[in-house]
Amino acid sequence: MLSVWFRVIRVRFLLASVIAVSVGLSLNWWINHTINPFDALLTFAGVMALHASVDLLNDFWDFKRGIDAKTTRT
C-alpha cells in the first residue's frame, strides 16, 4: 500500500524540491550566517507536501479527463 503512494506522488522527483529548498537555505546561511532549524524543517515539510499534492492533483485530473487511457505513463 505504501509503495503505491510513493509511486503516485513520484518520490524520485521530490529531489528537485529538496534541491531548491537546500539552495535557498544555503543562500540564507551565506548572507545571514544563521539558519532557524524550525523554519528550515517547516519549509522542507511544506514544499514536500505541496509538491506531492500537485502530483496527486495532476494524476486525478488526468484520470478524470481520460488522458491516462489515451497515453502511456511517463
PDB file of N, CA and C in Angstrom:
ATOM      1  N   MET A   1       0.817  -1.202   0.000  1.00  0.00           N
ATOM      2  CA  MET A   1       0.000   0.000   0.000  1.00  0.00           C
ATOM      3  C   MET A   1       0.859   1.264   0.000  1.00  0.00           C
ATOM      4  N   LEU A   2       1.894   1.256   0.821  1.00  0.00           N
ATOM      5  CA  LEU A   2       2.771   2.424   0.893  1.00  0.00           C
ATOM      6  C   LEU A   2       3.520   2.635  -0.421  1.00  0.00           C
ATOM      7  N   SER A   3       3.886   1.539  -1.088  1.00  0.00           N
ATOM      8  CA  SER A   3       4.603   1.669  -2.362  1.00  0.00           C
ATOM      9  C   SER A   3       3.729   2.321  -3.430  1.00  0.00           C
ATOM     10  N   VAL A   4       2.437   2.094  -3.361  1.00  0.00           N
ATOM     11  CA  VAL A   4       1.519   2.729  -4.313  1.00  0.00           C
ATOM     12  C   VAL A   4       1.519   4.245  -4.106  1.00  0.00           C
ATOM     13  N   TRP A   5       1.484   4.684  -2.859  1.00  0.00           N
ATOM     14  CA  TRP A   5       1.519   6.123  -2.574  1.00  0.00           C
ATOM     15  C   TRP A   5       2.834   6.740  -3.043  1.00  0.00           C
ATOM     16  N   PHE A   6       3.943   6.038  -2.805  1.00  0.00           N
ATOM     17  CA  PHE A   6       5.236   6.557  -3.252  1.00  0.00           C
ATOM     18  C   PHE A   6       5.285   6.679  -4.769  1.00  0.00           C
ATOM     19  N   ARG A   7       4.684   5.718  -5.470  1.00  0.00           N
ATOM     20  CA  ARG A   7       4.676   5.773  -6.925  1.00  0.00           C
ATOM     21  C   ARG A   7       3.797   6.924  -7.415  1.00  0.00           C
ATOM     22  N   VAL A   8       2.647   7.125  -6.773  1.00  0.00           N
ATOM     23  CA  VAL A   8       1.709   8.160  -7.205  1.00  0.00           C
ATOM     24  C   VAL A   8       2.277   9.559  -6.975  1.00  0.00           C
ATOM     25  N   ILE A   9       2.951   9.776  -5.846  1.00  0.00           N
ATOM     26  CA  ILE A   9       3.487  11.119  -5.595  1.00  0.00           C
ATOM     27  C   ILE A   9       4.859  11.319  -6.234  1.00  0.00           C
ATOM     28  N   ARG A  10       5.338  10.301  -6.946  1.00  0.00           N
ATOM     29  CA  ARG A  10       6.595  10.392  -7.707  1.00  0.00           C
ATOM     30  C   ARG A  10       7.747  10.856  -6.826  1.00  0.00           C
ATOM     31  N   VAL A  11       8.079  10.015  -5.867  1.00  0.00           N
ATOM     32  CA  VAL A  11       9.098  10.339  -4.866  1.00  0.00           C
ATOM     33  C   VAL A  11      10.417  10.750  -5.508  1.00  0.00           C
ATOM     34  N   ARG A  12      10.785  10.096  -6.596  1.00  0.00           N
ATOM     35  CA  ARG A  12      12.092  10.419  -7.198  1.00  0.00           C
ATOM     36  C   ARG A  12      12.163  11.855  -7.707  1.00  0.00           C
ATOM     37  N   PHE A  13      11.019  12.460  -8.023  1.00  0.00           N
ATOM     38  CA  PHE A  13      11.019  13.844  -8.490  1.00  0.00           C
ATOM     39  C   PHE A  13      10.980  14.853  -7.349  1.00  0.00           C
ATOM     40  N   LEU A  14      10.735  14.389  -6.130  1.00  0.00           N
ATOM     41  CA  LEU A  14      10.755  15.293  -4.982  1.00  0.00           C
ATOM     42  C   LEU A  14      12.155  15.842  -4.735  1.00  0.00           C
ATOM     43  N   LEU A  15      13.150  15.177  -5.292  1.00  0.00           N
ATOM     44  CA  LEU A  15      14.525  15.642  -5.150  1.00  0.00           C
ATOM     45  C   LEU A  15      14.684  17.067  -5.680  1.00  0.00           C
ATOM     46  N   ALA A  16      13.956  17.406  -6.721  1.00  0.00           N
ATOM     47  CA  ALA A  16      14.027  18.771  -7.263  1.00  0.00           C
ATOM     48  C   ALA A  16      13.603  19.795  -6.212  1.00  0.00           C
ATOM     49  N   SER A  17      12.569  19.476  -5.452  1.00  0.00           N
ATOM     50  CA  SER A  17      12.124  20.386  -4.391  1.00  0.00           C
ATOM     51  C   SER A  17      13.141  20.460  -3.264  1.00  0.00           C
ATOM     52  N   VAL A  18      13.731  19.325  -2.923  1.00  0.00           N
ATOM     53  CA  VAL A  18      14.753  19.298  -1.871  1.00  0.00           C
ATOM     54  C   VAL A  18      15.946  20.158  -2.278  1.00  0.00           C
ATOM     55  N   ILE A  19      16.353  20.061  -3.528  1.00  0.00           N
ATOM     56  CA  ILE A  19      17.483  20.857  -4.018  1.00  0.00           C
ATOM     57  C   ILE A  19      17.146  22.345  -3.967  1.00  0.00           C
ATOM     58  N   ALA A  20      15.941  22.711  -4.387  1.00  0.00           N
ATOM     59  CA  ALA A  20      15.549  24.125  -4.378  1.00  0.00           C
ATOM     60  C   ALA A  20      15.546  24.698  -2.961  1.00  0.00           C
ATOM     61  N   VAL A  21      14.999  23.953  -2.011  1.00  0.00           N
ATOM     62  CA  VAL A  21      14.980  24.426  -0.621  1.00  0.00           C
ATOM     63  C   VAL A  21      16.397  24.485  -0.069  1.00  0.00           C
ATOM     64  N   SER A  22      17.219  23.506  -0.412  1.00  0.00           N
ATOM     65  CA  SER A  22      18.606  23.493   0.064  1.00  0.00           C
ATOM     66  C   SER A  22      19.385  24.693  -0.460  1.00  0.00           C
ATOM     67  N   VAL A  23      19.160  25.053  -1.705  1.00  0.00           N
ATOM     68  CA  VAL A  23      19.822  26.233  -2.268  1.00  0.00           C
ATOM     69  C   VAL A  23      19.367  27.490  -1.530  1.00  0.00           C
ATOM     70  N   GLY A  24      18.077  27.591  -1.259  1.00  0.00           N
ATOM     71  CA  GLY A  24      17.567  28.740  -0.520  1.00  0.00           C
ATOM     72  C   GLY A  24      18.133  28.825   0.891  1.00  0.00           C
ATOM     73  N   LEU A  25      18.221  27.683   1.573  1.00  0.00           N
ATOM     74  CA  LEU A  25      18.793  27.673   2.921  1.00  0.00           C
ATOM     75  C   LEU A  25      20.286  27.996   2.891  1.00  0.00           C
ATOM     76  N   SER A  26      20.977  27.502   1.867  1.00  0.00           N
ATOM     77  CA  SER A  26      22.406  27.811   1.731  1.00  0.00           C
ATOM     78  C   SER A  26      22.624  29.299   1.500  1.00  0.00           C
ATOM     79  N   LEU A  27      21.780  29.887   0.680  1.00  0.00           N
ATOM     80  CA  LEU A  27      21.868  31.328   0.435  1.00  0.00           C
ATOM     81  C   LEU A  27      21.595  32.113   1.716  1.00  0.00           C
ATOM     82  N   ASN A  28      20.617  31.664   2.475  1.00  0.00           N
ATOM     83  CA  ASN A  28      20.328  32.312   3.755  1.00  0.00           C
ATOM     84  C   ASN A  28      21.522  32.196   4.701  1.00  0.00           C
ATOM     85  N   TRP A  29      22.146  31.029   4.738  1.00  0.00           N
ATOM     86  CA  TRP A  29      23.326  30.838   5.597  1.00  0.00           C
ATOM     87  C   TRP A  29      24.468  31.752   5.155  1.00  0.00           C
ATOM     88  N   TRP A  30      24.664  31.873   3.840  1.00  0.00           N
ATOM     89  CA  TRP A  30      25.756  32.676   3.296  1.00  0.00           C
ATOM     90  C   TRP A  30      25.559  34.162   3.631  1.00  0.00           C
ATOM     91  N   ILE A  31      24.316  34.624   3.558  1.00  0.00           N
ATOM     92  CA  ILE A  31      24.038  36.041   3.809  1.00  0.00           C
ATOM     93  C   ILE A  31      23.957  36.347   5.301  1.00  0.00           C
ATOM     94  N   ASN A  32      23.243  35.540   6.062  1.00  0.00           N
ATOM     95  CA  ASN A  32      22.954  35.850   7.467  1.00  0.00           C
ATOM     96  C   ASN A  32      23.776  35.055   8.470  1.00  0.00           C
ATOM     97  N   HIS A  33      24.481  34.045   8.017  1.00  0.00           N
ATOM     98  CA  HIS A  33      25.288  33.171   8.877  1.00  0.00           C
ATOM     99  C   HIS A  33      24.468  32.511   9.981  1.00  0.00           C
ATOM    100  N   THR A  34      23.204  32.267   9.701  1.00  0.00           N
ATOM    101  CA  THR A  34      22.342  31.577  10.663  1.00  0.00           C
ATOM    102  C   THR A  34      21.165  30.939   9.934  1.00  0.00           C
ATOM    103  N   ILE A  35      20.697  29.831  10.480  1.00  0.00           N
ATOM    104  CA  ILE A  35      19.503  29.168   9.969  1.00  0.00           C
ATOM    105  C   ILE A  35      18.668  28.756  11.172  1.00  0.00           C
ATOM    106  N   ASN A  36      17.409  29.110  11.158  1.00  0.00           N
ATOM    107  CA  ASN A  36      16.487  28.676  12.196  1.00  0.00           C
ATOM    108  C   ASN A  36      16.050  27.245  11.860  1.00  0.00           C
ATOM    109  N   PRO A  37      16.421  26.255  12.658  1.00  0.00           N
ATOM    110  CA  PRO A  37      16.099  24.855  12.341  1.00  0.00           C
ATOM    111  C   PRO A  37      14.598  24.591  12.203  1.00  0.00           C
ATOM    112  N   PHE A  38      13.796  25.229  13.038  1.00  0.00           N
ATOM    113  CA  PHE A  38      12.350  25.029  12.947  1.00  0.00           C
ATOM    114  C   PHE A  38      11.809  25.552  11.622  1.00  0.00           C
ATOM    115  N   ASP A  39      12.239  26.747  11.235  1.00  0.00           N
ATOM    116  CA  ASP A  39      11.800  27.316   9.958  1.00  0.00           C
ATOM    117  C   ASP A  39      12.278  26.470   8.782  1.00  0.00           C
ATOM    118  N   ALA A  40      13.506  25.961   8.867  1.00  0.00           N
ATOM    119  CA  ALA A  40      14.038  25.119   7.799  1.00  0.00           C
ATOM    120  C   ALA A  40      13.222  23.838   7.670  1.00  0.00           C
ATOM    121  N   LEU A  41      12.920  23.199   8.787  1.00  0.00           N
ATOM    122  CA  LEU A  41      12.132  21.966   8.772  1.00  0.00           C
ATOM    123  C   LEU A  41      10.719  22.232   8.268  1.00  0.00           C
ATOM    124  N   LEU A  42      10.139  23.329   8.705  1.00  0.00           N
ATOM    125  CA  LEU A  42       8.798  23.695   8.259  1.00  0.00           C
ATOM    126  C   LEU A  42       8.780  23.978   6.755  1.00  0.00           C
ATOM    127  N   THR A  43       9.815  24.625   6.260  1.00  0.00           N
ATOM    128  CA  THR A  43       9.913  24.900   4.829  1.00  0.00           C
ATOM    129  C   THR A  43      10.040  23.613   4.034  1.00  0.00           C
ATOM    130  N   PHE A  44      10.923  22.711   4.485  1.00  0.00           N
ATOM    131  CA  PHE A  44      11.064  21.418   3.812  1.00  0.00           C
ATOM    132  C   PHE A  44       9.738  20.666   3.794  1.00  0.00           C
ATOM    133  N   ALA A  45       9.067  20.592   4.930  1.00  0.00           N
ATOM    134  CA  ALA A  45       7.802  19.858   5.016  1.00  0.00           C
ATOM    135  C   ALA A  45       6.738  20.488   4.121  1.00  0.00           C
ATOM    136  N   GLY A  46       6.658  21.804   4.125  1.00  0.00           N
ATOM    137  CA  GLY A  46       5.673  22.488   3.296  1.00  0.00           C
ATOM    138  C   GLY A  46       5.910  22.299   1.813  1.00  0.00           C
ATOM    139  N   VAL A  47       7.153  22.418   1.402  1.00  0.00           N
ATOM    140  CA  VAL A  47       7.481  22.258  -0.015  1.00  0.00           C
ATOM    141  C   VAL A  47       7.247  20.817  -0.463  1.00  0.00           C
ATOM    142  N   MET A  48       7.622  19.856   0.371  1.00  0.00           N
ATOM    143  CA  MET A  48       7.406  18.444   0.021  1.00  0.00           C
ATOM    144  C   MET A  48       5.905  18.137  -0.076  1.00  0.00           C
ATOM    145  N   ALA A  49       5.118  18.654   0.864  1.00  0.00           N
ATOM    146  CA  ALA A  49       3.671  18.432   0.835  1.00  0.00           C
ATOM    147  C   ALA A  49       3.042  19.095  -0.385  1.00  0.00           C
ATOM    148  N   LEU A  50       3.487  20.295  -0.708  1.00  0.00           N
ATOM    149  CA  LEU A  50       2.967  20.994  -1.875  1.00  0.00           C
ATOM    150  C   LEU A  50       3.300  20.244  -3.158  1.00  0.00           C
ATOM    151  N   HIS A  51       4.532  19.798  -3.290  1.00  0.00           N
ATOM    152  CA  HIS A  51       4.957  19.061  -4.475  1.00  0.00           C
ATOM    153  C   HIS A  51       4.156  17.767  -4.617  1.00  0.00           C
ATOM    154  N   ALA A  52       4.013  17.029  -3.517  1.00  0.00           N
ATOM    155  CA  ALA A  52       3.268  15.771  -3.557  1.00  0.00           C
ATOM    156  C   ALA A  52       1.800  16.018  -3.907  1.00  0.00           C
ATOM    157  N   SER A  53       1.206  17.067  -3.361  1.00  0.00           N
ATOM    158  CA  SER A  53      -0.204  17.340  -3.648  1.00  0.00           C
ATOM    159  C   SER A  53      -0.410  17.746  -5.105  1.00  0.00           C
ATOM    160  N   VAL A  54       0.528  18.462  -5.671  1.00  0.00           N
ATOM    161  CA  VAL A  54       0.425  18.827  -7.087  1.00  0.00           C
ATOM    162  C   VAL A  54       0.507  17.577  -7.958  1.00  0.00           C
ATOM    163  N   ASP A  55       1.390  16.647  -7.616  1.00  0.00           N
ATOM    164  CA  ASP A  55       1.472  15.389  -8.363  1.00  0.00           C
ATOM    165  C   ASP A  55       0.167  14.599  -8.265  1.00  0.00           C
ATOM    166  N   LEU A  56      -0.411  14.540  -7.067  1.00  0.00           N
ATOM    167  CA  LEU A  56      -1.677  13.825  -6.884  1.00  0.00           C
ATOM    168  C   LEU A  56      -2.811  14.486  -7.659  1.00  0.00           C
ATOM    169  N   LEU A  57      -2.890  15.808  -7.603  1.00  0.00           N
ATOM    170  CA  LEU A  57      -3.937  16.513  -8.346  1.00  0.00           C
ATOM    171  C   LEU A  57      -3.760  16.353  -9.854  1.00  0.00           C
ATOM    172  N   ASN A  58      -2.534  16.344 -10.324  1.00  0.00           N
ATOM    173  CA  ASN A  58      -2.263  16.140 -11.739  1.00  0.00           C
ATOM    174  C   ASN A  58      -2.763  14.769 -12.186  1.00  0.00           C
ATOM    175  N   ASP A  59      -2.456  13.733 -11.408  1.00  0.00           N
ATOM    176  CA  ASP A  59      -2.926  12.389 -11.742  1.00  0.00           C
ATOM    177  C   ASP A  59      -4.450  12.304 -11.685  1.00  0.00           C
ATOM    178  N   PHE A  60      -5.052  12.939 -10.699  1.00  0.00           N
ATOM    179  CA  PHE A  60      -6.511  12.927 -10.577  1.00  0.00           C
ATOM    180  C   PHE A  60      -7.171  13.529 -11.811  1.00  0.00           C
ATOM    181  N   TRP A  61      -6.703  14.705 -12.223  1.00  0.00           N
ATOM    182  CA  TRP A  61      -7.336  15.366 -13.363  1.00  0.00           C
ATOM    183  C   TRP A  61      -7.025  14.653 -14.680  1.00  0.00           C
ATOM    184  N   ASP A  62      -5.844  14.054 -14.790  1.00  0.00           N
ATOM    185  CA  ASP A  62      -5.551  13.248 -15.975  1.00  0.00           C
ATOM    186  C   ASP A  62      -6.518  12.073 -16.066  1.00  0.00           C
ATOM    187  N   PHE A  63      -6.773  11.411 -14.932  1.00  0.00           N
ATOM    188  CA  PHE A  63      -7.709  10.288 -14.907  1.00  0.00           C
ATOM    189  C   PHE A  63      -9.126  10.760 -15.212  1.00  0.00           C
ATOM    190  N   LYS A  64      -9.546  11.846 -14.588  1.00  0.00           N
ATOM    191  CA  LYS A  64     -10.910  12.339 -14.756  1.00  0.00           C
ATOM    192  C   LYS A  64     -11.186  12.759 -16.199  1.00  0.00           C
ATOM    193  N   ARG A  65     -10.202  13.319 -16.859  1.00  0.00           N
ATOM    194  CA  ARG A  65     -10.379  13.762 -18.248  1.00  0.00           C
ATOM    195  C   ARG A  65     -10.130  12.645 -19.260  1.00  0.00           C
ATOM    196  N   GLY A  66      -9.676  11.484 -18.794  1.00  0.00           N
ATOM    197  CA  GLY A  66      -9.459  10.356 -19.686  1.00  0.00           C
ATOM    198  C   GLY A  66      -8.130  10.374 -20.408  1.00  0.00           C
ATOM    199  N   ILE A  67      -7.243  11.242 -20.007  1.00  0.00           N
ATOM    200  CA  ILE A  67      -5.942  11.337 -20.666  1.00  0.00           C
ATOM    201  C   ILE A  67      -5.116  10.079 -20.417  1.00  0.00           C
ATOM    202  N   ASP A  68      -5.250   9.482 -19.222  1.00  0.00           N
ATOM    203  CA  ASP A  68      -4.485   8.283 -18.893  1.00  0.00           C
ATOM    204  C   ASP A  68      -4.837   7.113 -19.804  1.00  0.00           C
ATOM    205  N   ALA A  69      -6.071   7.052 -20.286  1.00  0.00           N
ATOM    206  CA  ALA A  69      -6.478   5.961 -21.171  1.00  0.00           C
ATOM    207  C   ALA A  69      -5.927   6.143 -22.583  1.00  0.00           C
ATOM    208  N   LYS A  70      -5.605   7.371 -22.953  1.00  0.00           N
ATOM    209  CA  LYS A  70      -5.144   7.660 -24.310  1.00  0.00           C
ATOM    210  C   LYS A  70      -3.627   7.677 -24.448  1.00  0.00           C
ATOM    211  N   THR A  71      -2.912   7.842 -23.350  1.00  0.00           N
ATOM    212  CA  THR A  71      -1.454   7.962 -23.401  1.00  0.00           C
ATOM    213  C   THR A  71      -0.805   6.934 -22.490  1.00  0.00           C
ATOM    214  N   THR A  72       0.526   6.820 -22.613  1.00  0.00           N
ATOM    215  CA  THR A  72       1.277   5.939 -21.717  1.00  0.00           C
ATOM    216  C   THR A  72       1.896   6.778 -20.614  1.00  0.00           C
ATOM    217  N   ARG A  73       2.029   6.161 -19.437  1.00  0.00           N
ATOM    218  CA  ARG A  73       2.578   6.865 -18.272  1.00  0.00           C
ATOM    219  C   ARG A  73       4.071   7.090 -18.457  1.00  0.00           C
ATOM    220  N   THR A  74       4.535   8.284 -18.104  1.00  0.00           N
ATOM    221  CA  THR A  74       5.964   8.593 -18.214  1.00  0.00           C
ATOM    222  C   THR A  74       6.666   8.347 -16.914  1.00  0.00           C
TER     223      THR A  74
END
